[in-house]
Amino acid sequence: MDSKTQLASLIKRLSYKEGDFTLASGKKSNFYVDLKNTTLHPEGADLLGTLIVRDILEKRIHVDGVGGMTMGADPIATAVSLAAFSRGLVWPAFIVRKDPKDHGTGQYVEGTANLSKGSRLLVVEDVVTTGGSSLKAIERLKAEGYTIAALMTIVDREQGGRDAFESQGVQFLNLLTLNDVKSAK
């Protein structure tokens, strides 16, 4: 079994649910992919970190850091940062807050001491439907002086997210689609 097939099977087992759900986009769905059970599992973290680094290197995308909107992106960013480091690459992780910190520095973006202005950042997301939360993260990162190298999601629900990113000039990448997960054994 190849790594993507293995990841799809793990997601189906740990993170795919059927029922009546309201998504972050506000849309209703009869299935839900809660990737935290997969991204926080050691096998899942290892697989997705390795697959994302391999994909970015194969596509020759220059990356200086990896992260995204807290909380879904946090374990992904850490997994990718560690997988990159095991290959001799330094891609520090960062976190984009939904709201600025209400004490201390009042920052939206954490981990900036490890990045320089103009750094090319890989924004990661667990599941993309419309892309709303990652588009907010990208907007905040650009406002802080960073460049977006690409957006990488683990699962693309194929419900408009790709178009939303590409219309903003952001390269959209995904490891899997919802159909990959649904059809996994």
N, C-alpha and C. Protein backbone atom coordinates (compact mmCIF):
# COMPACT_ATOMS: atom_id res chain seq x y z
N MET A 1 0.85 -1.18 0.00
CA MET A 1 0.00 0.00 0.00
C MET A 1 0.89 1.24 0.00
N ASP A 2 0.65 2.16 -0.95
CA ASP A 2 1.48 3.37 -0.99
C ASP A 2 1.05 4.33 0.13
N SER A 3 1.86 5.36 0.36
CA SER A 3 1.66 6.27 1.50
C SER A 3 0.34 7.04 1.43
N LYS A 4 -0.06 7.49 0.24
CA LYS A 4 -1.33 8.22 0.13
C LYS A 4 -2.51 7.32 0.40
N THR A 5 -2.45 6.09 -0.08
CA THR A 5 -3.52 5.12 0.17
C THR A 5 -3.59 4.81 1.66
N GLN A 6 -2.43 4.66 2.27
CA GLN A 6 -2.35 4.40 3.70
C GLN A 6 -2.95 5.56 4.49
N LEU A 7 -2.64 6.81 4.09
CA LEU A 7 -3.18 7.99 4.76
C LEU A 7 -4.70 8.05 4.58
N ALA A 8 -5.19 7.79 3.38
CA ALA A 8 -6.64 7.81 3.13
C ALA A 8 -7.35 6.79 4.01
N SER A 9 -6.78 5.60 4.15
CA SER A 9 -7.38 4.55 4.99
C SER A 9 -7.41 4.97 6.46
N LEU A 10 -6.33 5.58 6.91
CA LEU A 10 -6.25 6.04 8.30
C LEU A 10 -7.29 7.14 8.55
N ILE A 11 -7.41 8.07 7.61
CA ILE A 11 -8.40 9.14 7.75
C ILE A 11 -9.81 8.55 7.79
N LYS A 12 -10.09 7.61 6.91
CA LYS A 12 -11.43 7.02 6.90
C LYS A 12 -11.74 6.35 8.23
N ARG A 13 -10.75 5.67 8.78
CA ARG A 13 -10.95 4.94 10.04
C ARG A 13 -11.06 5.88 11.24
N LEU A 14 -10.22 6.90 11.30
CA LEU A 14 -10.15 7.76 12.48
C LEU A 14 -10.96 9.05 12.40
N SER A 15 -11.20 9.55 11.18
CA SER A 15 -11.70 10.92 11.06
C SER A 15 -12.97 11.10 10.24
N TYR A 16 -13.41 10.11 9.50
CA TYR A 16 -14.58 10.26 8.63
C TYR A 16 -15.84 9.82 9.37
N LYS A 17 -16.85 10.69 9.36
CA LYS A 17 -18.11 10.39 10.05
C LYS A 17 -19.28 10.73 9.14
N GLU A 18 -20.35 9.95 9.26
CA GLU A 18 -21.57 10.24 8.53
C GLU A 18 -22.65 10.64 9.52
N GLY A 19 -23.52 11.56 9.11
CA GLY A 19 -24.58 12.07 9.97
C GLY A 19 -25.06 13.40 9.45
N ASP A 20 -25.51 14.29 10.33
CA ASP A 20 -25.99 15.61 9.97
C ASP A 20 -25.04 16.64 10.59
N PHE A 21 -24.31 17.37 9.76
CA PHE A 21 -23.28 18.28 10.25
C PHE A 21 -23.40 19.65 9.61
N THR A 22 -22.98 20.68 10.35
CA THR A 22 -22.81 22.02 9.81
C THR A 22 -21.32 22.28 9.75
N LEU A 23 -20.83 22.63 8.56
CA LEU A 23 -19.40 22.85 8.35
C LEU A 23 -19.01 24.27 8.76
N ALA A 24 -17.71 24.52 8.87
CA ALA A 24 -17.20 25.86 9.22
C ALA A 24 -17.69 26.90 8.23
N SER A 25 -17.92 26.49 6.99
CA SER A 25 -18.40 27.41 5.95
C SER A 25 -19.88 27.76 6.15
N GLY A 26 -20.56 27.03 7.06
CA GLY A 26 -21.98 27.22 7.27
C GLY A 26 -22.84 26.27 6.45
N LYS A 27 -22.21 25.56 5.51
CA LYS A 27 -22.93 24.60 4.68
C LYS A 27 -23.31 23.37 5.50
N LYS A 28 -24.40 22.75 5.11
CA LYS A 28 -24.83 21.49 5.73
C LYS A 28 -24.22 20.33 4.96
N SER A 29 -23.94 19.23 5.67
CA SER A 29 -23.36 18.06 5.03
C SER A 29 -23.81 16.80 5.75
N ASN A 30 -23.89 15.70 5.01
CA ASN A 30 -24.24 14.42 5.64
C ASN A 30 -22.99 13.60 5.98
N PHE A 31 -21.84 14.22 5.86
CA PHE A 31 -20.59 13.59 6.29
C PHE A 31 -19.65 14.67 6.80
N TYR A 32 -18.69 14.27 7.61
CA TYR A 32 -17.76 15.21 8.22
C TYR A 32 -16.40 14.54 8.32
N VAL A 33 -15.37 15.30 8.04
CA VAL A 33 -14.00 14.81 8.18
C VAL A 33 -13.33 15.66 9.25
N ASP A 34 -13.20 15.09 10.46
CA ASP A 34 -12.55 15.77 11.58
C ASP A 34 -11.13 15.24 11.65
N LEU A 35 -10.24 15.91 10.95
CA LEU A 35 -8.88 15.37 10.78
C LEU A 35 -8.03 15.41 12.03
N LYS A 36 -8.47 16.06 13.09
CA LYS A 36 -7.63 16.12 14.29
C LYS A 36 -7.26 14.74 14.82
N ASN A 37 -8.19 13.79 14.72
CA ASN A 37 -7.87 12.43 15.18
C ASN A 37 -6.75 11.80 14.35
N THR A 38 -6.64 12.20 13.10
CA THR A 38 -5.57 11.69 12.24
C THR A 38 -4.29 12.50 12.40
N THR A 39 -4.40 13.84 12.40
CA THR A 39 -3.19 14.67 12.47
C THR A 39 -2.50 14.58 13.82
N LEU A 40 -3.25 14.23 14.86
CA LEU A 40 -2.66 14.08 16.19
C LEU A 40 -2.21 12.65 16.48
N HIS A 41 -2.46 11.74 15.55
CA HIS A 41 -2.01 10.35 15.69
C HIS A 41 -0.59 10.26 15.14
N PRO A 42 0.32 9.53 15.79
CA PRO A 42 1.71 9.51 15.30
C PRO A 42 1.85 8.98 13.87
N GLU A 43 1.07 7.97 13.51
CA GLU A 43 1.15 7.45 12.14
C GLU A 43 0.64 8.50 11.15
N GLY A 44 -0.46 9.15 11.49
CA GLY A 44 -1.01 10.19 10.63
C GLY A 44 -0.05 11.36 10.47
N ALA A 45 0.50 11.83 11.56
CA ALA A 45 1.45 12.95 11.52
C ALA A 45 2.67 12.59 10.67
N ASP A 46 3.19 11.39 10.85
CA ASP A 46 4.35 10.96 10.08
C ASP A 46 4.03 10.90 8.59
N LEU A 47 2.90 10.30 8.26
CA LEU A 47 2.51 10.18 6.85
C LEU A 47 2.30 11.54 6.20
N LEU A 48 1.51 12.40 6.83
CA LEU A 48 1.21 13.67 6.18
C LEU A 48 2.43 14.57 6.13
N GLY A 49 3.27 14.56 7.16
CA GLY A 49 4.50 15.36 7.10
C GLY A 49 5.40 14.92 5.96
N THR A 50 5.59 13.61 5.84
CA THR A 50 6.44 13.06 4.78
C THR A 50 5.86 13.34 3.41
N LEU A 51 4.55 13.13 3.25
CA LEU A 51 3.91 13.34 1.94
C LEU A 51 3.94 14.80 1.52
N ILE A 52 3.69 15.71 2.45
CA ILE A 52 3.69 17.13 2.09
C ILE A 52 5.09 17.58 1.70
N VAL A 53 6.10 17.21 2.47
CA VAL A 53 7.47 17.61 2.14
C VAL A 53 7.85 17.04 0.78
N ARG A 54 7.56 15.78 0.56
CA ARG A 54 7.89 15.16 -0.73
C ARG A 54 7.20 15.89 -1.89
N ASP A 55 5.92 16.23 -1.71
CA ASP A 55 5.16 16.91 -2.76
C ASP A 55 5.74 18.30 -3.05
N ILE A 56 6.06 19.04 -2.00
CA ILE A 56 6.62 20.39 -2.17
C ILE A 56 7.97 20.32 -2.88
N LEU A 57 8.80 19.37 -2.49
CA LEU A 57 10.12 19.23 -3.13
C LEU A 57 9.98 18.79 -4.59
N GLU A 58 9.06 17.86 -4.87
CA GLU A 58 8.86 17.42 -6.25
C GLU A 58 8.37 18.56 -7.14
N LYS A 59 7.57 19.45 -6.59
CA LYS A 59 7.04 20.59 -7.35
C LYS A 59 8.01 21.77 -7.36
N ARG A 60 9.12 21.62 -6.66
CA ARG A 60 10.17 22.65 -6.60
C ARG A 60 9.65 24.00 -6.11
N ILE A 61 8.84 23.93 -5.06
CA ILE A 61 8.29 25.14 -4.46
C ILE A 61 9.23 25.55 -3.32
N HIS A 62 9.68 26.79 -3.36
CA HIS A 62 10.58 27.30 -2.32
C HIS A 62 9.76 27.66 -1.08
N VAL A 63 10.13 27.07 0.06
CA VAL A 63 9.41 27.29 1.32
C VAL A 63 10.39 27.70 2.41
N ASP A 64 10.01 28.73 3.18
CA ASP A 64 10.81 29.18 4.32
C ASP A 64 10.16 28.88 5.66
N GLY A 65 8.86 28.56 5.65
CA GLY A 65 8.12 28.27 6.87
C GLY A 65 6.78 27.64 6.52
N VAL A 66 6.17 27.00 7.53
CA VAL A 66 4.91 26.29 7.29
C VAL A 66 3.96 26.50 8.47
N GLY A 67 2.70 26.77 8.16
CA GLY A 67 1.71 26.95 9.21
C GLY A 67 0.38 27.34 8.63
N GLY A 68 -0.50 27.79 9.50
CA GLY A 68 -1.83 28.19 9.05
C GLY A 68 -2.69 28.58 10.23
N MET A 69 -3.99 28.62 9.97
CA MET A 69 -4.94 29.06 10.98
C MET A 69 -5.04 28.02 12.09
N THR A 70 -4.85 28.50 13.32
CA THR A 70 -5.00 27.62 14.46
C THR A 70 -6.46 27.18 14.52
N MET A 71 -6.75 26.06 14.75
CA MET A 71 -6.12 24.96 15.42
C MET A 71 -5.86 23.81 14.46
N GLY A 72 -6.63 23.79 13.36
CA GLY A 72 -6.49 22.68 12.42
C GLY A 72 -5.11 22.55 11.82
N ALA A 73 -4.45 23.68 11.57
CA ALA A 73 -3.14 23.64 10.92
C ALA A 73 -2.00 23.33 11.88
N ASP A 74 -2.21 23.50 13.18
CA ASP A 74 -1.11 23.40 14.14
C ASP A 74 -0.37 22.05 14.09
N PRO A 75 -1.07 20.91 14.22
CA PRO A 75 -0.33 19.65 14.19
C PRO A 75 0.25 19.34 12.81
N ILE A 76 -0.40 19.84 11.76
CA ILE A 76 0.12 19.62 10.40
C ILE A 76 1.43 20.38 10.23
N ALA A 77 1.43 21.64 10.65
CA ALA A 77 2.64 22.46 10.52
C ALA A 77 3.81 21.84 11.28
N THR A 78 3.54 21.34 12.47
CA THR A 78 4.60 20.70 13.25
C THR A 78 5.11 19.44 12.55
N ALA A 79 4.20 18.62 12.04
CA ALA A 79 4.59 17.39 11.34
C ALA A 79 5.44 17.71 10.11
N VAL A 80 5.03 18.73 9.35
CA VAL A 80 5.77 19.10 8.14
C VAL A 80 7.13 19.69 8.51
N SER A 81 7.17 20.54 9.52
CA SER A 81 8.43 21.13 9.96
C SER A 81 9.43 20.05 10.37
N LEU A 82 8.96 19.05 11.13
CA LEU A 82 9.83 17.96 11.56
C LEU A 82 10.26 17.08 10.39
N ALA A 83 9.34 16.79 9.47
CA ALA A 83 9.68 15.96 8.30
C ALA A 83 10.71 16.69 7.43
N ALA A 84 10.55 17.99 7.28
CA ALA A 84 11.52 18.77 6.50
C ALA A 84 12.88 18.76 7.19
N PHE A 85 12.88 18.94 8.50
CA PHE A 85 14.13 18.97 9.26
C PHE A 85 14.88 17.64 9.14
N SER A 86 14.14 16.53 9.10
CA SER A 86 14.79 15.21 8.95
C SER A 86 15.49 15.09 7.60
N ARG A 87 15.14 15.96 6.65
CA ARG A 87 15.78 15.99 5.33
C ARG A 87 16.81 17.12 5.24
N GLY A 88 17.10 17.75 6.35
CA GLY A 88 18.09 18.82 6.36
C GLY A 88 17.54 20.19 5.97
N LEU A 89 16.21 20.32 5.95
CA LEU A 89 15.57 21.58 5.59
C LEU A 89 15.02 22.25 6.85
N VAL A 90 15.14 23.56 6.93
CA VAL A 90 14.63 24.29 8.08
C VAL A 90 13.40 25.08 7.62
N TRP A 91 12.23 24.51 7.94
CA TRP A 91 10.94 25.14 7.66
C TRP A 91 10.24 25.33 9.00
N PRO A 92 10.53 26.42 9.71
CA PRO A 92 9.89 26.62 11.02
C PRO A 92 8.37 26.67 10.90
N ALA A 93 7.71 26.18 11.92
CA ALA A 93 6.25 26.24 11.97
C ALA A 93 5.82 27.61 12.52
N PHE A 94 4.65 28.05 12.12
CA PHE A 94 4.04 29.27 12.64
C PHE A 94 2.55 29.02 12.82
N ILE A 95 1.92 29.87 13.59
CA ILE A 95 0.49 29.76 13.87
C ILE A 95 -0.16 31.12 13.60
N VAL A 96 -1.30 31.09 12.93
CA VAL A 96 -2.10 32.30 12.73
C VAL A 96 -3.32 32.19 13.64
N ARG A 97 -3.47 33.18 14.51
CA ARG A 97 -4.61 33.20 15.44
C ARG A 97 -5.86 33.73 14.74
N LYS A 98 -7.02 33.27 15.21
CA LYS A 98 -8.29 33.81 14.70
C LYS A 98 -8.48 35.24 15.17
N ASP A 99 -8.06 35.52 16.39
CA ASP A 99 -8.13 36.87 16.97
C ASP A 99 -6.76 37.19 17.53
N PRO A 100 -6.39 38.49 17.56
CA PRO A 100 -5.08 38.81 18.11
C PRO A 100 -5.02 38.45 19.59
N LYS A 101 -3.85 38.11 20.03
CA LYS A 101 -3.63 37.81 21.44
C LYS A 101 -4.05 39.03 22.26
N ASP A 102 -4.84 38.81 23.31
CA ASP A 102 -5.36 39.95 24.09
C ASP A 102 -4.43 40.37 25.23
N HIS A 103 -3.23 39.83 25.25
CA HIS A 103 -2.25 40.24 26.25
C HIS A 103 -0.86 40.13 25.62
N GLY A 104 0.14 40.56 26.33
CA GLY A 104 1.51 40.47 25.82
C GLY A 104 1.67 41.27 24.54
N THR A 105 2.07 40.60 23.47
CA THR A 105 2.40 41.28 22.21
C THR A 105 1.19 41.58 21.33
N GLY A 106 0.05 40.95 21.59
CA GLY A 106 -1.15 41.20 20.79
C GLY A 106 -1.04 40.76 19.35
N GLN A 107 -0.25 39.74 19.10
CA GLN A 107 0.00 39.29 17.73
C GLN A 107 -1.09 38.39 17.16
N TYR A 108 -1.24 38.46 15.85
CA TYR A 108 -2.05 37.49 15.11
C TYR A 108 -1.21 36.26 14.76
N VAL A 109 0.07 36.48 14.46
CA VAL A 109 0.94 35.41 13.97
C VAL A 109 1.99 35.09 15.03
N GLU A 110 2.08 33.82 15.40
CA GLU A 110 3.08 33.34 16.36
C GLU A 110 4.18 32.58 15.62
N GLY A 111 5.40 32.71 16.10
CA GLY A 111 6.54 32.03 15.47
C GLY A 111 7.30 32.94 14.53
N THR A 112 7.01 34.23 14.57
CA THR A 112 7.63 35.17 13.63
C THR A 112 9.12 35.39 13.88
N ALA A 113 9.60 35.08 15.08
CA ALA A 113 11.04 35.24 15.35
C ALA A 113 11.85 34.28 14.49
N ASN A 114 11.22 33.22 14.00
CA ASN A 114 11.90 32.24 13.16
C ASN A 114 11.80 32.54 11.67
N LEU A 115 11.12 33.64 11.33
CA LEU A 115 10.89 34.01 9.93
C LEU A 115 11.35 35.43 9.69
N SER A 116 11.78 35.72 8.48
CA SER A 116 12.10 37.09 8.12
C SER A 116 11.02 37.63 7.19
N LYS A 117 10.85 38.95 7.18
CA LYS A 117 9.85 39.55 6.29
C LYS A 117 10.16 39.11 4.86
N GLY A 118 9.12 38.83 4.12
CA GLY A 118 9.28 38.36 2.75
C GLY A 118 9.44 36.86 2.64
N SER A 119 9.53 36.15 3.77
CA SER A 119 9.64 34.68 3.74
C SER A 119 8.50 34.09 2.93
N ARG A 120 8.83 33.02 2.20
CA ARG A 120 7.83 32.31 1.39
C ARG A 120 7.23 31.21 2.26
N LEU A 121 5.93 31.33 2.53
CA LEU A 121 5.28 30.45 3.49
C LEU A 121 4.34 29.45 2.81
N LEU A 122 4.40 28.22 3.29
CA LEU A 122 3.44 27.20 2.90
C LEU A 122 2.34 27.24 3.94
N VAL A 123 1.12 27.55 3.50
CA VAL A 123 -0.03 27.56 4.39
C VAL A 123 -0.69 26.19 4.29
N VAL A 124 -0.92 25.57 5.45
CA VAL A 124 -1.52 24.24 5.48
C VAL A 124 -2.89 24.30 6.14
N GLU A 125 -3.75 23.38 5.72
CA GLU A 125 -5.12 23.30 6.22
C GLU A 125 -5.49 21.83 6.26
N ASP A 126 -6.32 21.45 7.23
CA ASP A 126 -6.71 20.04 7.31
C ASP A 126 -7.71 19.67 6.23
N VAL A 127 -8.85 20.37 6.19
CA VAL A 127 -9.88 20.10 5.20
C VAL A 127 -10.31 21.43 4.59
N VAL A 128 -10.40 21.49 3.26
CA VAL A 128 -10.88 22.70 2.60
C VAL A 128 -12.23 22.42 1.95
N THR A 129 -13.19 23.28 2.30
CA THR A 129 -14.49 23.28 1.62
C THR A 129 -14.52 24.52 0.74
N THR A 130 -14.72 25.69 1.34
CA THR A 130 -14.72 26.94 0.58
C THR A 130 -13.40 27.68 0.70
N GLY A 131 -12.58 27.32 1.70
CA GLY A 131 -11.29 27.96 1.89
C GLY A 131 -11.30 29.19 2.77
N GLY A 132 -12.44 29.50 3.38
CA GLY A 132 -12.59 30.74 4.13
C GLY A 132 -11.56 30.98 5.21
N SER A 133 -11.31 30.00 6.07
CA SER A 133 -10.39 30.24 7.19
C SER A 133 -8.95 30.41 6.70
N SER A 134 -8.54 29.64 5.71
CA SER A 134 -7.17 29.80 5.20
C SER A 134 -7.00 31.09 4.42
N LEU A 135 -8.05 31.54 3.76
CA LEU A 135 -7.96 32.84 3.07
C LEU A 135 -7.76 33.97 4.09
N LYS A 136 -8.39 33.86 5.26
CA LYS A 136 -8.17 34.85 6.33
C LYS A 136 -6.72 34.78 6.82
N ALA A 137 -6.22 33.56 6.99
CA ALA A 137 -4.83 33.39 7.42
C ALA A 137 -3.87 34.00 6.40
N ILE A 138 -4.12 33.76 5.14
CA ILE A 138 -3.27 34.29 4.07
C ILE A 138 -3.30 35.82 4.08
N GLU A 139 -4.47 36.39 4.26
CA GLU A 139 -4.61 37.84 4.33
C GLU A 139 -3.77 38.41 5.48
N ARG A 140 -3.82 37.78 6.64
CA ARG A 140 -3.04 38.24 7.79
C ARG A 140 -1.55 38.09 7.55
N LEU A 141 -1.15 36.99 6.93
CA LEU A 141 0.28 36.76 6.65
C LEU A 141 0.81 37.80 5.66
N LYS A 142 0.04 38.08 4.63
CA LYS A 142 0.46 39.10 3.65
C LYS A 142 0.57 40.46 4.32
N ALA A 143 -0.37 40.77 5.22
CA ALA A 143 -0.34 42.06 5.94
C ALA A 143 0.90 42.19 6.80
N GLU A 144 1.45 41.03 7.24
CA GLU A 144 2.66 41.02 8.06
C GLU A 144 3.93 41.06 7.21
N GLY A 145 3.78 41.04 5.88
CA GLY A 145 4.94 41.14 5.00
C GLY A 145 5.48 39.83 4.47
N TYR A 146 4.71 38.77 4.57
CA TYR A 146 5.15 37.47 4.07
C TYR A 146 4.57 37.20 2.68
N THR A 147 5.21 36.28 1.96
CA THR A 147 4.77 35.85 0.64
C THR A 147 4.20 34.45 0.78
N ILE A 148 3.14 34.15 0.07
CA ILE A 148 2.52 32.83 0.15
C ILE A 148 3.07 31.97 -1.00
N ALA A 149 3.77 30.90 -0.65
CA ALA A 149 4.32 29.98 -1.65
C ALA A 149 3.23 29.10 -2.24
N ALA A 150 2.33 28.61 -1.39
CA ALA A 150 1.23 27.73 -1.82
C ALA A 150 0.35 27.44 -0.61
N LEU A 151 -0.82 26.91 -0.90
CA LEU A 151 -1.73 26.38 0.13
C LEU A 151 -1.80 24.88 -0.10
N MET A 152 -1.59 24.11 0.97
CA MET A 152 -1.68 22.65 0.90
C MET A 152 -2.72 22.18 1.89
N THR A 153 -3.71 21.44 1.40
CA THR A 153 -4.69 20.84 2.28
C THR A 153 -4.53 19.33 2.26
N ILE A 154 -4.90 18.71 3.36
CA ILE A 154 -4.86 17.25 3.42
C ILE A 154 -6.02 16.69 2.59
N VAL A 155 -7.24 17.20 2.84
CA VAL A 155 -8.42 16.72 2.11
C VAL A 155 -9.14 17.90 1.48
N ASP A 156 -9.32 17.82 0.16
CA ASP A 156 -10.11 18.80 -0.58
C ASP A 156 -11.50 18.22 -0.77
N ARG A 157 -12.50 18.90 -0.22
CA ARG A 157 -13.90 18.45 -0.37
C ARG A 157 -14.42 18.75 -1.77
N GLU A 158 -13.63 19.46 -2.57
CA GLU A 158 -13.98 19.81 -3.95
C GLU A 158 -15.32 20.56 -4.02
N GLN A 159 -15.42 21.59 -3.15
CA GLN A 159 -16.64 22.39 -3.12
C GLN A 159 -16.34 23.88 -3.24
N GLY A 160 -15.36 24.22 -4.06
CA GLY A 160 -15.07 25.62 -4.34
C GLY A 160 -13.80 26.17 -3.76
N GLY A 161 -13.15 25.45 -2.89
CA GLY A 161 -11.92 25.96 -2.27
C GLY A 161 -10.83 26.24 -3.28
N ARG A 162 -10.59 25.32 -4.19
CA ARG A 162 -9.54 25.50 -5.20
C ARG A 162 -9.75 26.81 -5.96
N ASP A 163 -10.96 27.04 -6.43
CA ASP A 163 -11.25 28.26 -7.19
C ASP A 163 -11.03 29.51 -6.34
N ALA A 164 -11.40 29.44 -5.07
CA ALA A 164 -11.24 30.59 -4.18
C ALA A 164 -9.76 30.96 -4.03
N PHE A 165 -8.90 29.97 -3.87
CA PHE A 165 -7.46 30.25 -3.72
C PHE A 165 -6.85 30.72 -5.03
N GLU A 166 -7.17 30.02 -6.11
CA GLU A 166 -6.58 30.37 -7.39
C GLU A 166 -7.03 31.76 -7.85
N SER A 167 -8.26 32.17 -7.48
CA SER A 167 -8.72 33.52 -7.84
C SER A 167 -7.93 34.59 -7.08
N GLN A 168 -7.29 34.21 -5.97
CA GLN A 168 -6.45 35.12 -5.20
C GLN A 168 -4.97 34.99 -5.57
N GLY A 169 -4.68 34.18 -6.60
CA GLY A 169 -3.30 33.99 -7.04
C GLY A 169 -2.50 33.05 -6.17
N VAL A 170 -3.18 32.21 -5.38
CA VAL A 170 -2.50 31.27 -4.48
C VAL A 170 -2.55 29.87 -5.09
N GLN A 171 -1.38 29.26 -5.24
CA GLN A 171 -1.32 27.89 -5.76
C GLN A 171 -1.97 26.94 -4.76
N PHE A 172 -2.90 26.14 -5.23
CA PHE A 172 -3.66 25.21 -4.38
C PHE A 172 -3.18 23.79 -4.61
N LEU A 173 -2.81 23.12 -3.52
CA LEU A 173 -2.36 21.73 -3.58
C LEU A 173 -3.15 20.90 -2.59
N ASN A 174 -3.37 19.64 -2.89
CA ASN A 174 -4.03 18.75 -1.94
C ASN A 174 -3.40 17.37 -2.00
N LEU A 175 -3.40 16.71 -0.84
CA LEU A 175 -2.92 15.32 -0.81
C LEU A 175 -4.00 14.37 -1.27
N LEU A 176 -5.24 14.62 -0.81
CA LEU A 176 -6.35 13.72 -1.09
C LEU A 176 -7.61 14.52 -1.39
N THR A 177 -8.57 13.86 -2.01
CA THR A 177 -9.90 14.43 -2.16
C THR A 177 -10.84 13.66 -1.25
N LEU A 178 -12.02 14.20 -1.07
CA LEU A 178 -13.02 13.52 -0.26
C LEU A 178 -13.33 12.14 -0.84
N ASN A 179 -13.37 12.03 -2.17
CA ASN A 179 -13.64 10.73 -2.78
C ASN A 179 -12.54 9.71 -2.47
N ASP A 180 -11.28 10.17 -2.37
CA ASP A 180 -10.18 9.27 -1.98
C ASP A 180 -10.45 8.68 -0.61
N VAL A 181 -10.93 9.52 0.30
CA VAL A 181 -11.21 9.07 1.68
C VAL A 181 -12.40 8.14 1.70
N LYS A 182 -13.48 8.55 1.04
CA LYS A 182 -14.70 7.73 1.04
C LYS A 182 -14.47 6.34 0.45
N SER A 183 -13.63 6.26 -0.58
CA SER A 183 -13.40 4.98 -1.25
C SER A 183 -12.27 4.15 -0.63
N ALA A 184 -11.60 4.70 0.38
CA ALA A 184 -10.49 3.98 1.03
C ALA A 184 -11.01 2.75 1.74
N LYS A 185 -10.15 1.76 1.82
CA LYS A 185 -10.50 0.51 2.52
C LYS A 185 -9.92 0.52 3.91
